[in-house]
Amino acid sequence: MSSSMPTLAVRYFAAARAAAGVAEETVPGGRSLDQLTGELVRRHGARLGTVLEMASFLVDGVAWHDRQAPLPAGATVDVLPPFAGG
């Protein structure tokens, strides 16, 4: 990957980390959240896809709800599955 290509850092927490098999990775940027999650499922499989369907996402610490909007180049995307409380 060229150093001039925009990238995203993806950090996984709890069940997302277990499903992805990694805590963090860097992926090519220039995509929406829907495109990013599709790429992550291709990389890591259907188990992660199930988690991603229920997950919340933070982009640079802010909740990200527009799954079609382009993610900012160089952003950090946190994947937060539902947490059990009690």
PDB file of N, CA and C in Angstrom:
ATOM      1  N   MET A   1       0.846  -1.166   0.000  1.00  0.00           N
ATOM      2  CA  MET A   1       0.000   0.000   0.000  1.00  0.00           C
ATOM      3  C   MET A   1       0.893   1.231   0.000  1.00  0.00           C
ATOM      4  N   SER A   2       0.617   2.179  -0.859  1.00  0.00           N
ATOM      5  CA  SER A   2       1.393   3.404  -0.958  1.00  0.00           C
ATOM      6  C   SER A   2       1.148   4.276   0.262  1.00  0.00           C
ATOM      7  N   SER A   3       2.194   4.970   0.707  1.00  0.00           N
ATOM      8  CA  SER A   3       2.043   5.827   1.872  1.00  0.00           C
ATOM      9  C   SER A   3       1.133   7.012   1.593  1.00  0.00           C
ATOM     10  N   SER A   4       0.882   7.339   0.316  1.00  0.00           N
ATOM     11  CA  SER A   4       0.004   8.453  -0.014  1.00  0.00           C
ATOM     12  C   SER A   4      -1.476   8.036  -0.059  1.00  0.00           C
ATOM     13  N   MET A   5      -1.749   6.747  -0.031  1.00  0.00           N
ATOM     14  CA  MET A   5      -3.127   6.270  -0.055  1.00  0.00           C
ATOM     15  C   MET A   5      -3.757   6.491   1.318  1.00  0.00           C
ATOM     16  N   PRO A   6      -4.968   7.092   1.360  1.00  0.00           N
ATOM     17  CA  PRO A   6      -5.615   7.282   2.656  1.00  0.00           C
ATOM     18  C   PRO A   6      -5.949   5.937   3.299  1.00  0.00           C
ATOM     19  N   THR A   7      -5.828   5.894   4.604  1.00  0.00           N
ATOM     20  CA  THR A   7      -6.129   4.668   5.333  1.00  0.00           C
ATOM     21  C   THR A   7      -7.066   4.973   6.493  1.00  0.00           C
ATOM     22  N   LEU A   8      -7.611   3.915   7.036  1.00  0.00           N
ATOM     23  CA  LEU A   8      -8.431   3.963   8.241  1.00  0.00           C
ATOM     24  C   LEU A   8      -7.854   2.970   9.233  1.00  0.00           C
ATOM     25  N   ALA A   9      -7.854   3.331  10.495  1.00  0.00           N
ATOM     26  CA  ALA A   9      -7.516   2.388  11.558  1.00  0.00           C
ATOM     27  C   ALA A   9      -8.828   1.845  12.106  1.00  0.00           C
ATOM     28  N   VAL A  10      -8.928   0.535  12.221  1.00  0.00           N
ATOM     29  CA  VAL A  10     -10.128  -0.100  12.765  1.00  0.00           C
ATOM     30  C   VAL A  10      -9.732  -0.783  14.065  1.00  0.00           C
ATOM     31  N   ARG A  11     -10.433  -0.422  15.145  1.00  0.00           N
ATOM     32  CA  ARG A  11     -10.180  -1.047  16.451  1.00  0.00           C
ATOM     33  C   ARG A  11     -11.422  -1.834  16.852  1.00  0.00           C
ATOM     34  N   TYR A  12     -11.185  -3.068  17.275  1.00  0.00           N
ATOM     35  CA  TYR A  12     -12.270  -3.976  17.647  1.00  0.00           C
ATOM     36  C   TYR A  12     -12.318  -4.139  19.166  1.00  0.00           C
ATOM     37  N   PHE A  13     -13.512  -4.212  19.704  1.00  0.00           N
ATOM     38  CA  PHE A  13     -13.692  -4.385  21.136  1.00  0.00           C
ATOM     39  C   PHE A  13     -14.585  -5.591  21.415  1.00  0.00           C
ATOM     40  N   ALA A  14     -14.314  -6.260  22.532  1.00  0.00           N
ATOM     41  CA  ALA A  14     -15.137  -7.362  23.051  1.00  0.00           C
ATOM     42  C   ALA A  14     -15.408  -8.430  21.977  1.00  0.00           C
ATOM     43  N   ALA A  15     -16.675  -8.728  21.712  1.00  0.00           N
ATOM     44  CA  ALA A  15     -17.032  -9.794  20.765  1.00  0.00           C
ATOM     45  C   ALA A  15     -16.516  -9.504  19.356  1.00  0.00           C
ATOM     46  N   ALA A  16     -16.408  -8.235  18.992  1.00  0.00           N
ATOM     47  CA  ALA A  16     -15.877  -7.897  17.665  1.00  0.00           C
ATOM     48  C   ALA A  16     -14.408  -8.298  17.575  1.00  0.00           C
ATOM     49  N   ARG A  17     -13.667  -8.073  18.646  1.00  0.00           N
ATOM     50  CA  ARG A  17     -12.254  -8.480  18.673  1.00  0.00           C
ATOM     51  C   ARG A  17     -12.138  -9.989  18.558  1.00  0.00           C
ATOM     52  N   ALA A  18     -12.970 -10.703  19.285  1.00  0.00           N
ATOM     53  CA  ALA A  18     -12.926 -12.168  19.233  1.00  0.00           C
ATOM     54  C   ALA A  18     -13.274 -12.672  17.827  1.00  0.00           C
ATOM     55  N   ALA A  19     -14.257 -12.066  17.184  1.00  0.00           N
ATOM     56  CA  ALA A  19     -14.683 -12.512  15.858  1.00  0.00           C
ATOM     57  C   ALA A  19     -13.660 -12.162  14.779  1.00  0.00           C
ATOM     58  N   ALA A  20     -13.017 -11.003  14.906  1.00  0.00           N
ATOM     59  CA  ALA A  20     -12.028 -10.588  13.908  1.00  0.00           C
ATOM     60  C   ALA A  20     -10.696 -11.302  14.104  1.00  0.00           C
ATOM     61  N   GLY A  21     -10.408 -11.679  15.337  1.00  0.00           N
ATOM     62  CA  GLY A  21      -9.131 -12.337  15.622  1.00  0.00           C
ATOM     63  C   GLY A  21      -7.968 -11.366  15.739  1.00  0.00           C
ATOM     64  N   VAL A  22      -8.251 -10.081  15.694  1.00  0.00           N
ATOM     65  CA  VAL A  22      -7.237  -9.046  15.874  1.00  0.00           C
ATOM     66  C   VAL A  22      -7.856  -7.915  16.691  1.00  0.00           C
ATOM     67  N   ALA A  23      -7.014  -7.144  17.364  1.00  0.00           N
ATOM     68  CA  ALA A  23      -7.495  -6.008  18.145  1.00  0.00           C
ATOM     69  C   ALA A  23      -7.614  -4.753  17.291  1.00  0.00           C
ATOM     70  N   GLU A  24      -6.746  -4.660  16.281  1.00  0.00           N
ATOM     71  CA  GLU A  24      -6.697  -3.447  15.464  1.00  0.00           C
ATOM     72  C   GLU A  24      -6.067  -3.776  14.120  1.00  0.00           C
ATOM     73  N   GLU A  25      -6.480  -3.057  13.098  1.00  0.00           N
ATOM     74  CA  GLU A  25      -5.862  -3.207  11.781  1.00  0.00           C
ATOM     75  C   GLU A  25      -6.031  -1.919  10.991  1.00  0.00           C
ATOM     76  N   THR A  26      -5.231  -1.780   9.960  1.00  0.00           N
ATOM     77  CA  THR A  26      -5.319  -0.640   9.058  1.00  0.00           C
ATOM     78  C   THR A  26      -5.862  -1.134   7.726  1.00  0.00           C
ATOM     79  N   VAL A  27      -6.813  -0.386   7.193  1.00  0.00           N
ATOM     80  CA  VAL A  27      -7.441  -0.745   5.920  1.00  0.00           C
ATOM     81  C   VAL A  27      -7.407   0.469   5.001  1.00  0.00           C
ATOM     82  N   PRO A  28      -7.516   0.262   3.687  1.00  0.00           N
ATOM     83  CA  PRO A  28      -7.572   1.394   2.765  1.00  0.00           C
ATOM     84  C   PRO A  28      -8.777   2.278   3.069  1.00  0.00           C
ATOM     85  N   GLY A  29      -8.593   3.581   2.940  1.00  0.00           N
ATOM     86  CA  GLY A  29      -9.673   4.535   3.184  1.00  0.00           C
ATOM     87  C   GLY A  29     -10.485   4.777   1.925  1.00  0.00           C
ATOM     88  N   GLY A  30     -11.167   5.925   1.897  1.00  0.00           N
ATOM     89  CA  GLY A  30     -11.947   6.291   0.725  1.00  0.00           C
ATOM     90  C   GLY A  30     -13.212   5.479   0.565  1.00  0.00           C
ATOM     91  N   ARG A  31     -13.876   5.185   1.669  1.00  0.00           N
ATOM     92  CA  ARG A  31     -15.085   4.364   1.603  1.00  0.00           C
ATOM     93  C   ARG A  31     -16.066   4.774   2.685  1.00  0.00           C
ATOM     94  N   SER A  32     -17.294   4.295   2.536  1.00  0.00           N
ATOM     95  CA  SER A  32     -18.341   4.527   3.537  1.00  0.00           C
ATOM     96  C   SER A  32     -18.283   3.423   4.592  1.00  0.00           C
ATOM     97  N   LEU A  33     -19.073   3.594   5.637  1.00  0.00           N
ATOM     98  CA  LEU A  33     -19.141   2.569   6.682  1.00  0.00           C
ATOM     99  C   LEU A  33     -19.685   1.256   6.119  1.00  0.00           C
ATOM    100  N   ASP A  34     -20.694   1.330   5.247  1.00  0.00           N
ATOM    101  CA  ASP A  34     -21.212   0.098   4.636  1.00  0.00           C
ATOM    102  C   ASP A  34     -20.125  -0.604   3.817  1.00  0.00           C
ATOM    103  N   GLN A  35     -19.354   0.165   3.057  1.00  0.00           N
ATOM    104  CA  GLN A  35     -18.274  -0.436   2.268  1.00  0.00           C
ATOM    105  C   GLN A  35     -17.187  -1.012   3.173  1.00  0.00           C
ATOM    106  N   LEU A  36     -16.876  -0.306   4.241  1.00  0.00           N
ATOM    107  CA  LEU A  36     -15.875  -0.789   5.188  1.00  0.00           C
ATOM    108  C   LEU A  36     -16.321  -2.102   5.827  1.00  0.00           C
ATOM    109  N   THR A  37     -17.558  -2.162   6.304  1.00  0.00           N
ATOM    110  CA  THR A  37     -18.003  -3.393   6.962  1.00  0.00           C
ATOM    111  C   THR A  37     -18.033  -4.562   5.984  1.00  0.00           C
ATOM    112  N   GLY A  38     -18.377  -4.297   4.720  1.00  0.00           N
ATOM    113  CA  GLY A  38     -18.324  -5.354   3.708  1.00  0.00           C
ATOM    114  C   GLY A  38     -16.905  -5.898   3.552  1.00  0.00           C
ATOM    115  N   GLU A  39     -15.927  -5.000   3.515  1.00  0.00           N
ATOM    116  CA  GLU A  39     -14.526  -5.417   3.416  1.00  0.00           C
ATOM    117  C   GLU A  39     -14.099  -6.220   4.648  1.00  0.00           C
ATOM    118  N   LEU A  40     -14.525  -5.794   5.819  1.00  0.00           N
ATOM    119  CA  LEU A  40     -14.139  -6.501   7.051  1.00  0.00           C
ATOM    120  C   LEU A  40     -14.725  -7.912   7.088  1.00  0.00           C
ATOM    121  N   VAL A  41     -15.949  -8.067   6.592  1.00  0.00           N
ATOM    122  CA  VAL A  41     -16.555  -9.406   6.534  1.00  0.00           C
ATOM    123  C   VAL A  41     -15.790 -10.272   5.531  1.00  0.00           C
ATOM    124  N   ARG A  42     -15.400  -9.712   4.398  1.00  0.00           N
ATOM    125  CA  ARG A  42     -14.603 -10.486   3.428  1.00  0.00           C
ATOM    126  C   ARG A  42     -13.282 -10.926   4.053  1.00  0.00           C
ATOM    127  N   ARG A  43     -12.682 -10.076   4.848  1.00  0.00           N
ATOM    128  CA  ARG A  43     -11.394 -10.407   5.482  1.00  0.00           C
ATOM    129  C   ARG A  43     -11.521 -11.444   6.596  1.00  0.00           C
ATOM    130  N   HIS A  44     -12.586 -11.314   7.391  1.00  0.00           N
ATOM    131  CA  HIS A  44     -12.645 -12.088   8.639  1.00  0.00           C
ATOM    132  C   HIS A  44     -13.796 -13.076   8.743  1.00  0.00           C
ATOM    133  N   GLY A  45     -14.765 -13.028   7.841  1.00  0.00           N
ATOM    134  CA  GLY A  45     -15.804 -14.043   7.820  1.00  0.00           C
ATOM    135  C   GLY A  45     -17.141 -13.651   8.418  1.00  0.00           C
ATOM    136  N   ALA A  46     -18.063 -14.583   8.280  1.00  0.00           N
ATOM    137  CA  ALA A  46     -19.460 -14.367   8.650  1.00  0.00           C
ATOM    138  C   ALA A  46     -19.658 -14.122  10.140  1.00  0.00           C
ATOM    139  N   ARG A  47     -18.811 -14.713  10.981  1.00  0.00           N
ATOM    140  CA  ARG A  47     -18.957 -14.492  12.428  1.00  0.00           C
ATOM    141  C   ARG A  47     -18.817 -13.005  12.741  1.00  0.00           C
ATOM    142  N   LEU A  48     -17.823 -12.351  12.123  1.00  0.00           N
ATOM    143  CA  LEU A  48     -17.678 -10.915  12.333  1.00  0.00           C
ATOM    144  C   LEU A  48     -18.866 -10.182  11.729  1.00  0.00           C
ATOM    145  N   GLY A  49     -19.363 -10.637  10.597  1.00  0.00           N
ATOM    146  CA  GLY A  49     -20.525 -10.010   9.985  1.00  0.00           C
ATOM    147  C   GLY A  49     -21.718  -9.972  10.920  1.00  0.00           C
ATOM    148  N   THR A  50     -21.940 -11.045  11.647  1.00  0.00           N
ATOM    149  CA  THR A  50     -23.036 -11.100  12.620  1.00  0.00           C
ATOM    150  C   THR A  50     -22.843 -10.048  13.703  1.00  0.00           C
ATOM    151  N   VAL A  51     -21.632  -9.913  14.189  1.00  0.00           N
ATOM    152  CA  VAL A  51     -21.337  -8.909  15.220  1.00  0.00           C
ATOM    153  C   VAL A  51     -21.523  -7.498  14.654  1.00  0.00           C
ATOM    154  N   LEU A  52     -21.049  -7.280  13.426  1.00  0.00           N
ATOM    155  CA  LEU A  52     -21.136  -5.947  12.828  1.00  0.00           C
ATOM    156  C   LEU A  52     -22.580  -5.502  12.621  1.00  0.00           C
ATOM    157  N   GLU A  53     -23.483  -6.441  12.392  1.00  0.00           N
ATOM    158  CA  GLU A  53     -24.896  -6.092  12.220  1.00  0.00           C
ATOM    159  C   GLU A  53     -25.482  -5.455  13.473  1.00  0.00           C
ATOM    160  N   MET A  54     -24.953  -5.806  14.646  1.00  0.00           N
ATOM    161  CA  MET A  54     -25.466  -5.300  15.918  1.00  0.00           C
ATOM    162  C   MET A  54     -24.598  -4.201  16.515  1.00  0.00           C
ATOM    163  N   ALA A  55     -23.446  -3.950  15.930  1.00  0.00           N
ATOM    164  CA  ALA A  55     -22.462  -3.051  16.512  1.00  0.00           C
ATOM    165  C   ALA A  55     -22.816  -1.583  16.323  1.00  0.00           C
ATOM    166  N   SER A  56     -22.232  -0.768  17.196  1.00  0.00           N
ATOM    167  CA  SER A  56     -22.208   0.677  17.042  1.00  0.00           C
ATOM    168  C   SER A  56     -20.808   1.051  16.591  1.00  0.00           C
ATOM    169  N   PHE A  57     -20.689   2.194  15.950  1.00  0.00           N
ATOM    170  CA  PHE A  57     -19.398   2.624  15.418  1.00  0.00           C
ATOM    171  C   PHE A  57     -19.093   4.040  15.867  1.00  0.00           C
ATOM    172  N   LEU A  58     -17.873   4.243  16.316  1.00  0.00           N
ATOM    173  CA  LEU A  58     -17.371   5.576  16.606  1.00  0.00           C
ATOM    174  C   LEU A  58     -16.314   5.899  15.569  1.00  0.00           C
ATOM    175  N   VAL A  59     -16.349   7.106  15.047  1.00  0.00           N
ATOM    176  CA  VAL A  59     -15.335   7.571  14.111  1.00  0.00           C
ATOM    177  C   VAL A  59     -14.638   8.748  14.780  1.00  0.00           C
ATOM    178  N   ASP A  60     -13.382   8.557  15.088  1.00  0.00           N
ATOM    179  CA  ASP A  60     -12.617   9.556  15.845  1.00  0.00           C
ATOM    180  C   ASP A  60     -13.359   9.969  17.110  1.00  0.00           C
ATOM    181  N   GLY A  61     -13.966   8.981  17.774  1.00  0.00           N
ATOM    182  CA  GLY A  61     -14.613   9.198  19.067  1.00  0.00           C
ATOM    183  C   GLY A  61     -16.042   9.698  19.011  1.00  0.00           C
ATOM    184  N   VAL A  62     -16.604   9.858  17.816  1.00  0.00           N
ATOM    185  CA  VAL A  62     -17.965  10.376  17.667  1.00  0.00           C
ATOM    186  C   VAL A  62     -18.844   9.301  17.030  1.00  0.00           C
ATOM    187  N   ALA A  63     -20.044   9.104  17.585  1.00  0.00           N
ATOM    188  CA  ALA A  63     -20.972   8.121  17.024  1.00  0.00           C
ATOM    189  C   ALA A  63     -21.219   8.428  15.551  1.00  0.00           C
ATOM    190  N   TRP A  64     -21.155   7.389  14.719  1.00  0.00           N
ATOM    191  CA  TRP A  64     -21.306   7.538  13.261  1.00  0.00           C
ATOM    192  C   TRP A  64     -22.531   6.751  12.845  1.00  0.00           C
ATOM    193  N   HIS A  65     -23.556   7.452  12.343  1.00  0.00           N
ATOM    194  CA  HIS A  65     -24.818   6.797  12.005  1.00  0.00           C
ATOM    195  C   HIS A  65     -25.080   6.729  10.506  1.00  0.00           C
ATOM    196  N   ASP A  66     -24.442   7.593   9.724  1.00  0.00           N
ATOM    197  CA  ASP A  66     -24.674   7.619   8.279  1.00  0.00           C
ATOM    198  C   ASP A  66     -23.773   6.581   7.613  1.00  0.00           C
ATOM    199  N   ARG A  67     -24.339   5.456   7.280  1.00  0.00           N
ATOM    200  CA  ARG A  67     -23.563   4.334   6.751  1.00  0.00           C
ATOM    201  C   ARG A  67     -23.134   4.535   5.303  1.00  0.00           C
ATOM    202  N   GLN A  68     -23.670   5.578   4.636  1.00  0.00           N
ATOM    203  CA  GLN A  68     -23.318   5.850   3.239  1.00  0.00           C
ATOM    204  C   GLN A  68     -22.313   6.987   3.087  1.00  0.00           C
ATOM    205  N   ALA A  69     -22.140   7.812   4.112  1.00  0.00           N
ATOM    206  CA  ALA A  69     -21.230   8.963   4.027  1.00  0.00           C
ATOM    207  C   ALA A  69     -19.781   8.489   4.016  1.00  0.00           C
ATOM    208  N   PRO A  70     -18.937   9.144   3.225  1.00  0.00           N
ATOM    209  CA  PRO A  70     -17.515   8.770   3.214  1.00  0.00           C
ATOM    210  C   PRO A  70     -16.876   8.990   4.578  1.00  0.00           C
ATOM    211  N   LEU A  71     -16.100   8.034   5.008  1.00  0.00           N
ATOM    212  CA  LEU A  71     -15.361   8.165   6.265  1.00  0.00           C
ATOM    213  C   LEU A  71     -14.149   9.074   6.035  1.00  0.00           C
ATOM    214  N   PRO A  72     -13.813   9.927   7.005  1.00  0.00           N
ATOM    215  CA  PRO A  72     -12.672  10.827   6.827  1.00  0.00           C
ATOM    216  C   PRO A  72     -11.359  10.046   6.694  1.00  0.00           C
ATOM    217  N   ALA A  73     -10.510  10.479   5.771  1.00  0.00           N
ATOM    218  CA  ALA A  73      -9.189   9.850   5.605  1.00  0.00           C
ATOM    219  C   ALA A  73      -8.421   9.955   6.916  1.00  0.00           C
ATOM    220  N   GLY A  74      -7.757   8.871   7.273  1.00  0.00           N
ATOM    221  CA  GLY A  74      -6.950   8.849   8.484  1.00  0.00           C
ATOM    222  C   GLY A  74      -7.726   8.649   9.769  1.00  0.00           C
ATOM    223  N   ALA A  75      -9.031   8.432   9.668  1.00  0.00           N
ATOM    224  CA  ALA A  75      -9.871   8.283  10.858  1.00  0.00           C
ATOM    225  C   ALA A  75      -9.607   6.952  11.571  1.00  0.00           C
ATOM    226  N   THR A  76      -9.981   6.919  12.836  1.00  0.00           N
ATOM    227  CA  THR A  76      -9.999   5.689  13.615  1.00  0.00           C
ATOM    228  C   THR A  76     -11.452   5.291  13.811  1.00  0.00           C
ATOM    229  N   VAL A  77     -11.787   4.072  13.414  1.00  0.00           N
ATOM    230  CA  VAL A  77     -13.136   3.542  13.537  1.00  0.00           C
ATOM    231  C   VAL A  77     -13.143   2.504  14.639  1.00  0.00           C
ATOM    232  N   ASP A  78     -13.922   2.757  15.689  1.00  0.00           N
ATOM    233  CA  ASP A  78     -14.061   1.805  16.784  1.00  0.00           C
ATOM    234  C   ASP A  78     -15.327   0.980  16.561  1.00  0.00           C
ATOM    235  N   VAL A  79     -15.194  -0.335  16.643  1.00  0.00           N
ATOM    236  CA  VAL A  79     -16.317  -1.256  16.472  1.00  0.00           C
ATOM    237  C   VAL A  79     -16.737  -1.713  17.857  1.00  0.00           C
ATOM    238  N   LEU A  80     -17.940  -1.299  18.264  1.00  0.00           N
ATOM    239  CA  LEU A  80     -18.428  -1.570  19.610  1.00  0.00           C
ATOM    240  C   LEU A  80     -19.665  -2.454  19.554  1.00  0.00           C
ATOM    241  N   PRO A  81     -19.502  -3.740  19.851  1.00  0.00           N
ATOM    242  CA  PRO A  81     -20.669  -4.618  19.890  1.00  0.00           C
ATOM    243  C   PRO A  81     -21.510  -4.285  21.116  1.00  0.00           C
ATOM    244  N   PRO A  82     -22.754  -4.743  21.147  1.00  0.00           N
ATOM    245  CA  PRO A  82     -23.552  -4.516  22.360  1.00  0.00           C
ATOM    246  C   PRO A  82     -22.847  -5.158  23.559  1.00  0.00           C
ATOM    247  N   PHE A  83     -22.825  -4.442  24.636  1.00  0.00           N
ATOM    248  CA  PHE A  83     -22.217  -4.952  25.864  1.00  0.00           C
ATOM    249  C   PHE A  83     -23.296  -5.393  26.818  1.00  0.00           C
ATOM    250  N   ALA A  84     -23.068  -6.510  27.488  1.00  0.00           N
ATOM    251  CA  ALA A  84     -24.019  -6.975  28.507  1.00  0.00           C
ATOM    252  C   ALA A  84     -23.866  -6.089  29.731  1.00  0.00           C
ATOM    253  N   GLY A  85     -24.961  -5.711  30.303  1.00  0.00           N
ATOM    254  CA  GLY A  85     -24.928  -4.865  31.502  1.00  0.00           C
ATOM    255  C   GLY A  85     -25.521  -5.616  32.677  1.00  0.00           C
ATOM    256  N   GLY A  86     -25.392  -5.006  33.806  1.00  0.00           N
ATOM    257  CA  GLY A  86     -26.033  -5.640  34.944  1.00  0.00           C
ATOM    258  C   GLY A  86     -25.250  -5.558  36.104  1.00  0.00           C
TER     259      GLY A  86
END
